[in-house]
PDB file of N, CA and C in Angstrom:
ATOM      1  N   MET A   1       1.162 -22.573  29.648  1.00  0.00           N
ATOM      2  CA  MET A   1       0.315 -21.578  29.110  1.00  0.00           C
ATOM      3  C   MET A   1      -1.095 -21.956  28.271  1.00  0.00           C
ATOM      4  N   PRO A   2      -2.420 -21.902  28.504  1.00  0.00           N
ATOM      5  CA  PRO A   2      -3.507 -22.230  27.472  1.00  0.00           C
ATOM      6  C   PRO A   2      -3.460 -21.456  26.086  1.00  0.00           C
ATOM      7  N   LYS A   3      -3.803 -22.730  25.046  1.00  0.00           N
ATOM      8  CA  LYS A   3      -3.843 -21.908  23.809  1.00  0.00           C
ATOM      9  C   LYS A   3      -5.268 -21.341  23.565  1.00  0.00           C
ATOM     10  N   GLU A   4      -5.328 -20.037  23.491  1.00  0.00           N
ATOM     11  CA  GLU A   4      -6.663 -19.052  23.086  1.00  0.00           C
ATOM     12  C   GLU A   4      -7.156 -19.861  21.914  1.00  0.00           C
ATOM     13  N   PRO A   5      -8.440 -19.783  22.232  1.00  0.00           N
ATOM     14  CA  PRO A   5      -9.718 -20.646  21.150  1.00  0.00           C
ATOM     15  C   PRO A   5      -9.295 -19.293  19.874  1.00  0.00           C
ATOM     16  N   PHE A   6      -9.297 -20.611  18.256  1.00  0.00           N
ATOM     17  CA  PHE A   6      -9.068 -20.006  17.257  1.00  0.00           C
ATOM     18  C   PHE A   6      -9.777 -18.428  17.226  1.00  0.00           C
ATOM     19  N   LEU A   7     -11.389 -18.008  17.182  1.00  0.00           N
ATOM     20  CA  LEU A   7     -11.821 -17.167  16.771  1.00  0.00           C
ATOM     21  C   LEU A   7     -10.946 -15.888  17.647  1.00  0.00           C
ATOM     22  N   LEU A   8     -10.940 -16.362  18.964  1.00  0.00           N
ATOM     23  CA  LEU A   8     -10.708 -14.956  20.079  1.00  0.00           C
ATOM     24  C   LEU A   8      -9.114 -14.507  19.251  1.00  0.00           C
ATOM     25  N   ASN A   9      -8.236 -15.589  18.619  1.00  0.00           N
ATOM     26  CA  ASN A   9      -7.114 -15.226  18.047  1.00  0.00           C
ATOM     27  C   ASN A   9      -7.003 -14.391  16.683  1.00  0.00           C
ATOM     28  N   ARG A  10      -7.824 -15.305  16.398  1.00  0.00           N
ATOM     29  CA  ARG A  10      -8.632 -14.352  14.792  1.00  0.00           C
ATOM     30  C   ARG A  10      -8.701 -12.720  14.923  1.00  0.00           C
ATOM     31  N   LEU A  11      -9.453 -12.879  15.973  1.00  0.00           N
ATOM     32  CA  LEU A  11     -10.141 -11.237  16.330  1.00  0.00           C
ATOM     33  C   LEU A  11      -8.811 -10.470  16.449  1.00  0.00           C
ATOM     34  N   LYS A  12      -7.719 -11.008  17.569  1.00  0.00           N
ATOM     35  CA  LYS A  12      -6.900 -10.371  17.823  1.00  0.00           C
ATOM     36  C   LYS A  12      -5.978  -9.888  16.758  1.00  0.00           C
ATOM     37  N   SER A  13      -6.184 -10.839  15.797  1.00  0.00           N
ATOM     38  CA  SER A  13      -5.082 -10.560  14.449  1.00  0.00           C
ATOM     39  C   SER A  13      -5.258  -8.982  13.918  1.00  0.00           C
ATOM     40  N   VAL A  14      -7.062  -9.436  13.624  1.00  0.00           N
ATOM     41  CA  VAL A  14      -7.475  -8.547  12.791  1.00  0.00           C
ATOM     42  C   VAL A  14      -7.528  -7.265  13.534  1.00  0.00           C
ATOM     43  N   GLY A  15      -7.493  -7.095  14.931  1.00  0.00           N
ATOM     44  CA  GLY A  15      -7.374  -5.543  15.572  1.00  0.00           C
ATOM     45  C   GLY A  15      -5.997  -5.266  15.477  1.00  0.00           C
ATOM     46  N   PHE A  16      -4.776  -6.303  15.115  1.00  0.00           N
ATOM     47  CA  PHE A  16      -3.426  -5.725  15.728  1.00  0.00           C
ATOM     48  C   PHE A  16      -3.064  -5.014  14.383  1.00  0.00           C
ATOM     49  N   ALA A  17      -4.071  -5.895  12.936  1.00  0.00           N
ATOM     50  CA  ALA A  17      -3.662  -5.002  11.570  1.00  0.00           C
ATOM     51  C   ALA A  17      -4.321  -3.829  11.713  1.00  0.00           C
ATOM     52  N   PHE A  18      -5.392  -3.778  12.134  1.00  0.00           N
ATOM     53  CA  PHE A  18      -6.318  -2.082  11.830  1.00  0.00           C
ATOM     54  C   PHE A  18      -5.252  -1.358  12.140  1.00  0.00           C
ATOM     55  N   LYS A  19      -4.808  -1.908  13.755  1.00  0.00           N
ATOM     56  CA  LYS A  19      -4.160  -1.094  14.475  1.00  0.00           C
ATOM     57  C   LYS A  19      -2.818  -0.292  13.898  1.00  0.00           C
ATOM     58  N   GLY A  20      -1.925  -1.367  12.888  1.00  0.00           N
ATOM     59  CA  GLY A  20      -0.702  -1.339  11.871  1.00  0.00           C
ATOM     60  C   GLY A  20      -1.601  -0.007  10.395  1.00  0.00           C
ATOM     61  N   MET A  21      -2.854  -0.308  10.142  1.00  0.00           N
ATOM     62  CA  MET A  21      -3.040   1.056   9.222  1.00  0.00           C
ATOM     63  C   MET A  21      -3.243   1.535   9.470  1.00  0.00           C
ATOM     64  N   VAL A  22      -4.200   1.841  10.628  1.00  0.00           N
ATOM     65  CA  VAL A  22      -4.627   3.129  11.112  1.00  0.00           C
ATOM     66  C   VAL A  22      -2.863   4.077  11.471  1.00  0.00           C
ATOM     67  N   LEU A  23      -2.288   3.172  12.202  1.00  0.00           N
ATOM     68  CA  LEU A  23      -0.751   3.937  12.160  1.00  0.00           C
ATOM     69  C   LEU A  23       0.364   4.171  11.085  1.00  0.00           C
ATOM     70  N   LEU A  24      -0.182   3.262   9.920  1.00  0.00           N
ATOM     71  CA  LEU A  24       0.736   3.653   8.644  1.00  0.00           C
ATOM     72  C   LEU A  24      -0.317   5.303   8.162  1.00  0.00           C
ATOM     73  N   LEU A  25      -1.697   5.507   8.408  1.00  0.00           N
ATOM     74  CA  LEU A  25      -2.049   6.147   7.932  1.00  0.00           C
ATOM     75  C   LEU A  25      -2.178   7.509   8.402  1.00  0.00           C
ATOM     76  N   LYS A  26      -2.149   7.248   9.725  1.00  0.00           N
ATOM     77  CA  LYS A  26      -1.222   8.599  10.271  1.00  0.00           C
ATOM     78  C   LYS A  26       0.166   9.167  10.549  1.00  0.00           C
ATOM     79  N   THR A  27       0.576   8.279  10.289  1.00  0.00           N
ATOM     80  CA  THR A  27       1.963   8.716  10.535  1.00  0.00           C
ATOM     81  C   THR A  27       2.852   8.618   9.033  1.00  0.00           C
ATOM     82  N   GLU A  28       3.059   7.974   8.117  1.00  0.00           N
ATOM     83  CA  GLU A  28       3.343   7.715   7.105  1.00  0.00           C
ATOM     84  C   GLU A  28       3.295   8.925   6.229  1.00  0.00           C
ATOM     85  N   ALA A  29       4.276   9.910   5.332  1.00  0.00           N
ATOM     86  CA  ALA A  29       3.694  10.574   4.518  1.00  0.00           C
ATOM     87  C   ALA A  29       3.313   9.962   3.013  1.00  0.00           C
ATOM     88  N   SER A  30       3.945   9.113   2.748  1.00  0.00           N
ATOM     89  CA  SER A  30       3.506   8.099   1.581  1.00  0.00           C
ATOM     90  C   SER A  30       2.633   7.592   1.713  1.00  0.00           C
ATOM     91  N   ILE A  31       2.038   6.812   2.564  1.00  0.00           N
ATOM     92  CA  ILE A  31       0.711   6.561   2.533  1.00  0.00           C
ATOM     93  C   ILE A  31      -0.397   7.595   2.702  1.00  0.00           C
ATOM     94  N   GLN A  32       0.223   8.508   3.313  1.00  0.00           N
ATOM     95  CA  GLN A  32      -0.974   9.310   3.240  1.00  0.00           C
ATOM     96  C   GLN A  32      -1.223   9.833   1.771  1.00  0.00           C
ATOM     97  N   LEU A  33      -0.048  10.226   0.951  1.00  0.00           N
ATOM     98  CA  LEU A  33      -0.065  10.387  -0.417  1.00  0.00           C
ATOM     99  C   LEU A  33      -1.020   9.357  -1.468  1.00  0.00           C
ATOM    100  N   GLN A  34      -0.540   7.832  -1.034  1.00  0.00           N
ATOM    101  CA  GLN A  34      -1.416   6.735  -1.845  1.00  0.00           C
ATOM    102  C   GLN A  34      -2.936   6.902  -1.165  1.00  0.00           C
ATOM    103  N   PHE A  35      -3.152   7.474  -0.311  1.00  0.00           N
ATOM    104  CA  PHE A  35      -4.300   7.024  -0.108  1.00  0.00           C
ATOM    105  C   PHE A  35      -5.215   8.312  -0.647  1.00  0.00           C
ATOM    106  N   PHE A  36      -4.238   9.566  -0.489  1.00  0.00           N
ATOM    107  CA  PHE A  36      -5.305  10.556  -1.643  1.00  0.00           C
ATOM    108  C   PHE A  36      -5.871  10.326  -2.653  1.00  0.00           C
ATOM    109  N   ILE A  37      -4.709   9.823  -3.330  1.00  0.00           N
ATOM    110  CA  ILE A  37      -4.517   9.417  -5.109  1.00  0.00           C
ATOM    111  C   ILE A  37      -6.019   8.483  -4.658  1.00  0.00           C
ATOM    112  N   ALA A  38      -5.523   7.449  -4.018  1.00  0.00           N
ATOM    113  CA  ALA A  38      -6.955   6.425  -3.839  1.00  0.00           C
ATOM    114  C   ALA A  38      -8.125   6.854  -3.890  1.00  0.00           C
ATOM    115  N   LEU A  39      -8.216   7.977  -3.507  1.00  0.00           N
ATOM    116  CA  LEU A  39      -9.710   8.596  -2.964  1.00  0.00           C
ATOM    117  C   LEU A  39      -9.819   9.652  -4.411  1.00  0.00           C
ATOM    118  N   ALA A  40      -8.681   9.933  -5.186  1.00  0.00           N
ATOM    119  CA  ALA A  40      -9.178  10.350  -6.382  1.00  0.00           C
ATOM    120  C   ALA A  40      -9.396  10.114  -7.396  1.00  0.00           C
ATOM    121  N   VAL A  41      -8.724   8.529  -7.460  1.00  0.00           N
ATOM    122  CA  VAL A  41      -8.916   7.951  -8.918  1.00  0.00           C
ATOM    123  C   VAL A  41     -10.538   7.030  -8.486  1.00  0.00           C
ATOM    124  N   THR A  42     -11.059   6.769  -7.023  1.00  0.00           N
ATOM    125  CA  THR A  42     -11.777   6.281  -6.557  1.00  0.00           C
ATOM    126  C   THR A  42     -13.273   7.301  -7.127  1.00  0.00           C
ATOM    127  N   ALA A  43     -12.925   8.632  -6.849  1.00  0.00           N
ATOM    128  CA  ALA A  43     -13.764   9.806  -7.243  1.00  0.00           C
ATOM    129  C   ALA A  43     -13.663  10.043  -8.896  1.00  0.00           C
ATOM    130  N   ALA A  44     -12.950   9.278  -9.878  1.00  0.00           N
ATOM    131  CA  ALA A  44     -12.794   9.274 -10.968  1.00  0.00           C
ATOM    132  C   ALA A  44     -13.816   8.206 -11.710  1.00  0.00           C
ATOM    133  N   GLY A  45     -13.572   7.126 -10.930  1.00  0.00           N
ATOM    134  CA  GLY A  45     -13.842   5.854 -11.104  1.00  0.00           C
ATOM    135  C   GLY A  45     -15.925   6.222 -11.328  1.00  0.00           C
ATOM    136  N   PHE A  46     -16.224   6.781 -10.126  1.00  0.00           N
ATOM    137  CA  PHE A  46     -17.821   7.021 -10.072  1.00  0.00           C
ATOM    138  C   PHE A  46     -17.914   8.445 -11.459  1.00  0.00           C
ATOM    139  N   TYR A  47     -17.179   9.447 -11.432  1.00  0.00           N
ATOM    140  CA  TYR A  47     -17.596  10.246 -12.453  1.00  0.00           C
ATOM    141  C   TYR A  47     -17.809   9.723 -13.591  1.00  0.00           C
ATOM    142  N   PHE A  48     -16.720   9.048 -14.018  1.00  0.00           N
ATOM    143  CA  PHE A  48     -16.580   8.245 -15.618  1.00  0.00           C
ATOM    144  C   PHE A  48     -17.365   6.897 -15.424  1.00  0.00           C
ATOM    145  N   ASN A  49     -18.307   6.545 -14.366  1.00  0.00           N
ATOM    146  CA  ASN A  49     -19.001   5.267 -14.475  1.00  0.00           C
ATOM    147  C   ASN A  49     -17.915   4.097 -15.079  1.00  0.00           C
ATOM    148  N   ILE A  50     -16.983   3.986 -14.725  1.00  0.00           N
ATOM    149  CA  ILE A  50     -16.152   2.791 -15.274  1.00  0.00           C
ATOM    150  C   ILE A  50     -16.469   1.587 -14.582  1.00  0.00           C
ATOM    151  N   SER A  51     -16.712   0.634 -15.813  1.00  0.00           N
ATOM    152  CA  SER A  51     -17.027  -0.906 -15.311  1.00  0.00           C
ATOM    153  C   SER A  51     -16.512  -1.650 -14.469  1.00  0.00           C
ATOM    154  N   THR A  52     -17.104  -2.788 -14.057  1.00  0.00           N
ATOM    155  CA  THR A  52     -17.169  -3.549 -12.754  1.00  0.00           C
ATOM    156  C   THR A  52     -15.567  -4.196 -12.934  1.00  0.00           C
ATOM    157  N   THR A  53     -15.234  -4.607 -14.228  1.00  0.00           N
ATOM    158  CA  THR A  53     -13.928  -5.182 -14.590  1.00  0.00           C
ATOM    159  C   THR A  53     -12.971  -4.232 -14.232  1.00  0.00           C
ATOM    160  N   GLU A  54     -13.174  -2.814 -14.626  1.00  0.00           N
ATOM    161  CA  GLU A  54     -12.235  -1.662 -14.348  1.00  0.00           C
ATOM    162  C   GLU A  54     -12.285  -1.469 -13.028  1.00  0.00           C
ATOM    163  N   TRP A  55     -13.118  -1.191 -12.063  1.00  0.00           N
ATOM    164  CA  TRP A  55     -13.682  -1.193 -10.954  1.00  0.00           C
ATOM    165  C   TRP A  55     -12.307  -2.345 -10.097  1.00  0.00           C
ATOM    166  N   VAL A  56     -12.374  -3.556 -10.419  1.00  0.00           N
ATOM    167  CA  VAL A  56     -11.964  -4.685  -9.816  1.00  0.00           C
ATOM    168  C   VAL A  56     -10.399  -4.439  -9.598  1.00  0.00           C
ATOM    169  N   ILE A  57     -10.044  -4.049 -10.972  1.00  0.00           N
ATOM    170  CA  ILE A  57      -8.418  -3.883 -11.562  1.00  0.00           C
ATOM    171  C   ILE A  57      -7.637  -3.092 -10.712  1.00  0.00           C
ATOM    172  N   GLN A  58      -8.410  -1.535 -10.561  1.00  0.00           N
ATOM    173  CA  GLN A  58      -8.607  -0.536  -9.597  1.00  0.00           C
ATOM    174  C   GLN A  58      -8.318  -0.486  -8.311  1.00  0.00           C
ATOM    175  N   ILE A  59      -9.127  -1.174  -7.747  1.00  0.00           N
ATOM    176  CA  ILE A  59      -9.241  -1.677  -6.548  1.00  0.00           C
ATOM    177  C   ILE A  59      -8.137  -2.633  -5.811  1.00  0.00           C
ATOM    178  N   ALA A  60      -7.672  -3.418  -6.956  1.00  0.00           N
ATOM    179  CA  ALA A  60      -6.203  -4.480  -6.900  1.00  0.00           C
ATOM    180  C   ALA A  60      -5.436  -3.932  -6.976  1.00  0.00           C
ATOM    181  N   MET A  61      -5.196  -2.744  -7.812  1.00  0.00           N
ATOM    182  CA  MET A  61      -3.883  -1.863  -7.687  1.00  0.00           C
ATOM    183  C   MET A  61      -3.769  -0.897  -6.482  1.00  0.00           C
ATOM    184  N   ILE A  62      -4.963  -0.573  -5.810  1.00  0.00           N
ATOM    185  CA  ILE A  62      -4.643   0.398  -5.256  1.00  0.00           C
ATOM    186  C   ILE A  62      -4.301  -0.185  -3.732  1.00  0.00           C
ATOM    187  N   GLY A  63      -4.781  -1.458  -3.675  1.00  0.00           N
ATOM    188  CA  GLY A  63      -4.410  -2.151  -2.431  1.00  0.00           C
ATOM    189  C   GLY A  63      -3.307  -2.569  -2.876  1.00  0.00           C
ATOM    190  N   LEU A  64      -2.588  -2.886  -3.945  1.00  0.00           N
ATOM    191  CA  LEU A  64      -1.367  -3.306  -3.784  1.00  0.00           C
ATOM    192  C   LEU A  64      -0.322  -2.178  -3.536  1.00  0.00           C
ATOM    193  N   VAL A  65      -0.479  -1.227  -4.262  1.00  0.00           N
ATOM    194  CA  VAL A  65       0.532  -0.066  -4.127  1.00  0.00           C
ATOM    195  C   VAL A  65       0.679   0.263  -2.569  1.00  0.00           C
ATOM    196  N   MET A  66      -0.674   0.402  -1.970  1.00  0.00           N
ATOM    197  CA  MET A  66      -0.157   0.531  -0.279  1.00  0.00           C
ATOM    198  C   MET A  66      -0.069  -0.679   0.187  1.00  0.00           C
ATOM    199  N   SER A  67      -0.202  -1.968   0.413  1.00  0.00           N
ATOM    200  CA  SER A  67       0.216  -2.918   0.866  1.00  0.00           C
ATOM    201  C   SER A  67       1.663  -2.787   0.581  1.00  0.00           C
ATOM    202  N   ILE A  68       2.457  -2.742  -0.356  1.00  0.00           N
ATOM    203  CA  ILE A  68       3.299  -2.771  -0.568  1.00  0.00           C
ATOM    204  C   ILE A  68       4.556  -1.600   0.072  1.00  0.00           C
ATOM    205  N   GLU A  69       3.466  -0.468  -0.083  1.00  0.00           N
ATOM    206  CA  GLU A  69       4.148   0.705   0.673  1.00  0.00           C
ATOM    207  C   GLU A  69       4.030   0.298   2.023  1.00  0.00           C
ATOM    208  N   GLY A  70       3.282  -0.088   2.607  1.00  0.00           N
ATOM    209  CA  GLY A  70       3.456  -0.318   4.180  1.00  0.00           C
ATOM    210  C   GLY A  70       4.368  -1.423   4.420  1.00  0.00           C
ATOM    211  N   LEU A  71       5.041  -2.684   3.444  1.00  0.00           N
ATOM    212  CA  LEU A  71       5.865  -3.721   3.577  1.00  0.00           C
ATOM    213  C   LEU A  71       6.987  -2.792   3.142  1.00  0.00           C
ATOM    214  N   ASN A  72       7.350  -1.520   2.751  1.00  0.00           N
ATOM    215  CA  ASN A  72       8.704  -0.825   2.396  1.00  0.00           C
ATOM    216  C   ASN A  72       8.578  -0.249   3.629  1.00  0.00           C
ATOM    217  N   THR A  73       7.847   0.328   4.276  1.00  0.00           N
ATOM    218  CA  THR A  73       7.410   1.007   5.298  1.00  0.00           C
ATOM    219  C   THR A  73       8.770   0.709   6.712  1.00  0.00           C
ATOM    220  N   ALA A  74       7.705  -0.998   6.886  1.00  0.00           N
ATOM    221  CA  ALA A  74       8.361  -2.033   8.016  1.00  0.00           C
ATOM    222  C   ALA A  74       9.651  -2.599   7.745  1.00  0.00           C
ATOM    223  N   ILE A  75      10.007  -2.500   6.209  1.00  0.00           N
ATOM    224  CA  ILE A  75      11.216  -2.764   5.875  1.00  0.00           C
ATOM    225  C   ILE A  75      12.440  -1.669   6.545  1.00  0.00           C
ATOM    226  N   GLU A  76      11.816  -0.531   6.167  1.00  0.00           N
ATOM    227  CA  GLU A  76      13.257   0.684   6.621  1.00  0.00           C
ATOM    228  C   GLU A  76      13.078   0.924   8.143  1.00  0.00           C
ATOM    229  N   SER A  77      11.816   0.448   8.356  1.00  0.00           N
ATOM    230  CA  SER A  77      11.750   1.041  10.038  1.00  0.00           C
ATOM    231  C   SER A  77      12.710  -0.031  10.544  1.00  0.00           C
ATOM    232  N   MET A  78      12.905  -1.519  10.396  1.00  0.00           N
ATOM    233  CA  MET A  78      13.086  -2.361  10.769  1.00  0.00           C
ATOM    234  C   MET A  78      14.709  -2.492  10.877  1.00  0.00           C
ATOM    235  N   ALA A  79      15.025  -1.955   9.740  1.00  0.00           N
ATOM    236  CA  ALA A  79      16.842  -1.642   9.216  1.00  0.00           C
ATOM    237  C   ALA A  79      17.178  -0.228   9.855  1.00  0.00           C
ATOM    238  N   ASP A  80      16.656   0.296  10.065  1.00  0.00           N
ATOM    239  CA  ASP A  80      17.190   1.471  11.139  1.00  0.00           C
ATOM    240  C   ASP A  80      17.318   1.310  12.417  1.00  0.00           C
ATOM    241  N   PHE A  81      16.024   0.566  13.073  1.00  0.00           N
ATOM    242  CA  PHE A  81      16.186  -0.206  14.193  1.00  0.00           C
ATOM    243  C   PHE A  81      17.670  -1.080  14.328  1.00  0.00           C
ATOM    244  N   ILE A  82      17.686  -1.770  13.474  1.00  0.00           N
ATOM    245  CA  ILE A  82      19.051  -3.005  13.743  1.00  0.00           C
ATOM    246  C   ILE A  82      20.072  -2.033  13.532  1.00  0.00           C
ATOM    247  N   HIS A  83      20.059  -1.196  12.304  1.00  0.00           N
ATOM    248  CA  HIS A  83      21.294  -0.757  12.002  1.00  0.00           C
ATOM    249  C   HIS A  83      21.364   1.040  11.815  1.00  0.00           C
ATOM    250  N   PRO A  84      21.000   1.891  12.627  1.00  0.00           N
ATOM    251  CA  PRO A  84      20.432   2.923  12.940  1.00  0.00           C
ATOM    252  C   PRO A  84      21.575   3.914  11.938  1.00  0.00           C
ATOM    253  N   GLU A  85      23.077   3.545  11.966  1.00  0.00           N
ATOM    254  CA  GLU A  85      24.036   4.580  11.160  1.00  0.00           C
ATOM    255  C   GLU A  85      23.990   3.759   9.789  1.00  0.00           C
ATOM    256  N   HIS A  86      24.007   4.737   9.073  1.00  0.00           N
ATOM    257  CA  HIS A  86      24.797   4.597   7.524  1.00  0.00           C
ATOM    258  C   HIS A  86      25.489   3.279   7.614  1.00  0.00           C
ATOM    259  N   HIS A  87      24.838   2.296   6.536  1.00  0.00           N
ATOM    260  CA  HIS A  87      25.300   1.068   6.339  1.00  0.00           C
ATOM    261  C   HIS A  87      25.195   0.869   4.698  1.00  0.00           C
ATOM    262  N   HIS A  88      26.261   0.460   3.694  1.00  0.00           N
ATOM    263  CA  HIS A  88      25.896  -0.172   2.051  1.00  0.00           C
ATOM    264  C   HIS A  88      24.823  -1.105   1.814  1.00  0.00           C
ATOM    265  N   LYS A  89      24.868  -2.144   3.036  1.00  0.00           N
ATOM    266  CA  LYS A  89      24.210  -3.047   3.048  1.00  0.00           C
ATOM    267  C   LYS A  89      22.794  -2.830   3.152  1.00  0.00           C
ATOM    268  N   ILE A  90      22.206  -2.006   4.107  1.00  0.00           N
ATOM    269  CA  ILE A  90      21.174  -1.560   5.044  1.00  0.00           C
ATOM    270  C   ILE A  90      20.768  -0.574   3.801  1.00  0.00           C
ATOM    271  N   GLY A  91      21.465   0.241   3.422  1.00  0.00           N
ATOM    272  CA  GLY A  91      20.911   1.282   1.814  1.00  0.00           C
ATOM    273  C   GLY A  91      20.529   0.228   0.657  1.00  0.00           C
ATOM    274  N   ARG A  92      21.078  -0.662   0.569  1.00  0.00           N
ATOM    275  CA  ARG A  92      20.698  -2.069  -0.597  1.00  0.00           C
ATOM    276  C   ARG A  92      19.674  -2.391  -0.397  1.00  0.00           C
ATOM    277  N   LEU A  93      19.174  -2.466   0.936  1.00  0.00           N
ATOM    278  CA  LEU A  93      17.821  -3.540   1.246  1.00  0.00           C
ATOM    279  C   LEU A  93      17.192  -2.212   1.470  1.00  0.00           C
ATOM    280  N   LYS A  94      16.915  -0.689   1.551  1.00  0.00           N
ATOM    281  CA  LYS A  94      15.536  -0.260   1.521  1.00  0.00           C
ATOM    282  C   LYS A  94      15.400   0.440   0.235  1.00  0.00           C
ATOM    283  N   ASP A  95      16.668   0.502  -0.871  1.00  0.00           N
ATOM    284  CA  ASP A  95      16.481   0.694  -1.824  1.00  0.00           C
ATOM    285  C   ASP A  95      15.626  -0.273  -2.786  1.00  0.00           C
ATOM    286  N   ILE A  96      16.092  -1.645  -2.380  1.00  0.00           N
ATOM    287  CA  ILE A  96      15.475  -2.653  -3.181  1.00  0.00           C
ATOM    288  C   ILE A  96      13.807  -2.570  -2.643  1.00  0.00           C
ATOM    289  N   ALA A  97      13.454  -2.524  -1.447  1.00  0.00           N
ATOM    290  CA  ALA A  97      12.060  -2.214  -1.347  1.00  0.00           C
ATOM    291  C   ALA A  97      11.392  -0.869  -1.627  1.00  0.00           C
ATOM    292  N   ALA A  98      11.926   0.090  -1.609  1.00  0.00           N
ATOM    293  CA  ALA A  98      11.111   1.189  -2.727  1.00  0.00           C
ATOM    294  C   ALA A  98      11.396   1.151  -3.617  1.00  0.00           C
ATOM    295  N   GLY A  99      12.114   0.140  -4.357  1.00  0.00           N
ATOM    296  CA  GLY A  99      11.988  -0.024  -5.864  1.00  0.00           C
ATOM    297  C   GLY A  99      10.910  -0.929  -6.402  1.00  0.00           C
ATOM    298  N   ALA A 100      10.357  -1.752  -5.317  1.00  0.00           N
ATOM    299  CA  ALA A 100       8.986  -2.354  -5.371  1.00  0.00           C
ATOM    300  C   ALA A 100       7.522  -1.578  -4.852  1.00  0.00           C
ATOM    301  N   VAL A 101       8.312  -0.759  -4.186  1.00  0.00           N
ATOM    302  CA  VAL A 101       7.265  -0.028  -4.308  1.00  0.00           C
ATOM    303  C   VAL A 101       6.427   1.116  -5.903  1.00  0.00           C
ATOM    304  N   PHE A 102       8.031   1.343  -6.299  1.00  0.00           N
ATOM    305  CA  PHE A 102       8.051   2.057  -7.297  1.00  0.00           C
ATOM    306  C   PHE A 102       7.763   0.875  -8.702  1.00  0.00           C
ATOM    307  N   ILE A 103       7.918  -0.220  -8.841  1.00  0.00           N
ATOM    308  CA  ILE A 103       7.130  -1.160  -9.931  1.00  0.00           C
ATOM    309  C   ILE A 103       6.065  -0.788  -9.737  1.00  0.00           C
ATOM    310  N   ALA A 104       5.256  -1.477  -8.745  1.00  0.00           N
ATOM    311  CA  ALA A 104       3.510  -1.529  -8.083  1.00  0.00           C
ATOM    312  C   ALA A 104       3.156   0.196  -8.648  1.00  0.00           C
ATOM    313  N   ALA A 105       3.556   0.833  -8.461  1.00  0.00           N
ATOM    314  CA  ALA A 105       3.019   2.878  -8.582  1.00  0.00           C
ATOM    315  C   ALA A 105       2.690   2.456 -10.132  1.00  0.00           C
ATOM    316  N   ILE A 106       4.319   2.366 -10.629  1.00  0.00           N
ATOM    317  CA  ILE A 106       4.444   3.023 -12.286  1.00  0.00           C
ATOM    318  C   ILE A 106       3.079   1.742 -12.926  1.00  0.00           C
ATOM    319  N   THR A 107       2.802   0.313 -12.407  1.00  0.00           N
ATOM    320  CA  THR A 107       1.996  -0.369 -13.127  1.00  0.00           C
ATOM    321  C   THR A 107       0.624   0.076 -12.914  1.00  0.00           C
ATOM    322  N   ALA A 108       0.483   0.521 -11.943  1.00  0.00           N
ATOM    323  CA  ALA A 108      -0.877   1.286 -11.314  1.00  0.00           C
ATOM    324  C   ALA A 108      -1.125   2.435 -12.264  1.00  0.00           C
ATOM    325  N   VAL A 109       0.011   3.092 -12.387  1.00  0.00           N
ATOM    326  CA  VAL A 109      -0.412   4.439 -13.499  1.00  0.00           C
ATOM    327  C   VAL A 109      -0.463   3.780 -15.150  1.00  0.00           C
ATOM    328  N   ILE A 110      -0.166   2.936 -15.440  1.00  0.00           N
ATOM    329  CA  ILE A 110       0.038   2.674 -16.493  1.00  0.00           C
ATOM    330  C   ILE A 110      -1.634   1.891 -16.586  1.00  0.00           C
ATOM    331  N   ILE A 111      -2.061   1.213 -16.061  1.00  0.00           N
ATOM    332  CA  ILE A 111      -3.238   0.715 -15.738  1.00  0.00           C
ATOM    333  C   ILE A 111      -4.504   1.721 -15.749  1.00  0.00           C
ATOM    334  N   GLY A 112      -4.456   2.983 -14.684  1.00  0.00           N
ATOM    335  CA  GLY A 112      -4.810   4.256 -14.823  1.00  0.00           C
ATOM    336  C   GLY A 112      -5.147   5.078 -16.151  1.00  0.00           C
ATOM    337  N   GLY A 113      -3.666   4.638 -16.903  1.00  0.00           N
ATOM    338  CA  GLY A 113      -3.868   5.335 -18.191  1.00  0.00           C
ATOM    339  C   GLY A 113      -4.883   4.903 -19.184  1.00  0.00           C
ATOM    340  N   ILE A 114      -4.940   3.191 -19.198  1.00  0.00           N
ATOM    341  CA  ILE A 114      -5.665   2.503 -19.796  1.00  0.00           C
ATOM    342  C   ILE A 114      -6.565   2.537 -19.651  1.00  0.00           C
ATOM    343  N   ILE A 115      -7.089   3.018 -18.370  1.00  0.00           N
ATOM    344  CA  ILE A 115      -8.791   3.168 -17.991  1.00  0.00           C
ATOM    345  C   ILE A 115      -9.407   4.429 -18.270  1.00  0.00           C
ATOM    346  N   TYR A 116      -8.213   5.610 -17.865  1.00  0.00           N
ATOM    347  CA  TYR A 116      -9.149   6.692 -17.721  1.00  0.00           C
ATOM    348  C   TYR A 116      -8.666   7.615 -18.814  1.00  0.00           C
ATOM    349  N   LEU A 117      -7.720   7.107 -20.344  1.00  0.00           N
ATOM    350  CA  LEU A 117      -7.063   8.243 -20.997  1.00  0.00           C
ATOM    351  C   LEU A 117      -8.231   8.232 -22.150  1.00  0.00           C
ATOM    352  N   PRO A 118      -8.592   7.151 -22.535  1.00  0.00           N
ATOM    353  CA  PRO A 118      -9.787   6.955 -23.501  1.00  0.00           C
ATOM    354  C   PRO A 118     -11.131   7.626 -23.247  1.00  0.00           C
ATOM    355  N   LYS A 119     -11.714   7.680 -21.697  1.00  0.00           N
ATOM    356  CA  LYS A 119     -12.547   8.364 -21.382  1.00  0.00           C
ATOM    357  C   LYS A 119     -12.500   9.971 -21.130  1.00  0.00           C
ATOM    358  N   LEU A 120     -11.096  10.249 -21.455  1.00  0.00           N
ATOM    359  CA  LEU A 120     -10.707  11.850 -21.571  1.00  0.00           C
ATOM    360  C   LEU A 120     -10.492  12.224 -22.962  1.00  0.00           C
ATOM    361  N   LEU A 121     -10.191  11.062 -23.513  1.00  0.00           N
ATOM    362  CA  LEU A 121      -9.978  11.732 -25.108  1.00  0.00           C
ATOM    363  C   LEU A 121     -11.160  11.796 -25.695  1.00  0.00           C
TER     364      LEU A 121
END
């Protein structure tokens, strides 16, 4: 079977990634909540006229939290597919993946506090 040209292969990859992002946004409540929060802090960024550095950090944290949330969803889906019945080792894997999201979310909240609390006070 002939190998696809590099550019065509990359375009297909981007298409699959976009499809995955849309699927997450349409079907996963956790991603929908994260997206709503992202919109809210983006609006706050415009309202409070945050600095370029604050924008970069805020956008990076939005991307980090939503990306890890997507990976958590993928891990949970794969674990449920592989072992649909409750199993303590599968539960442990799912808890660890959820913990990674929690660490990123707590970090984002702390950074949000550093950015916005001085503007609110």
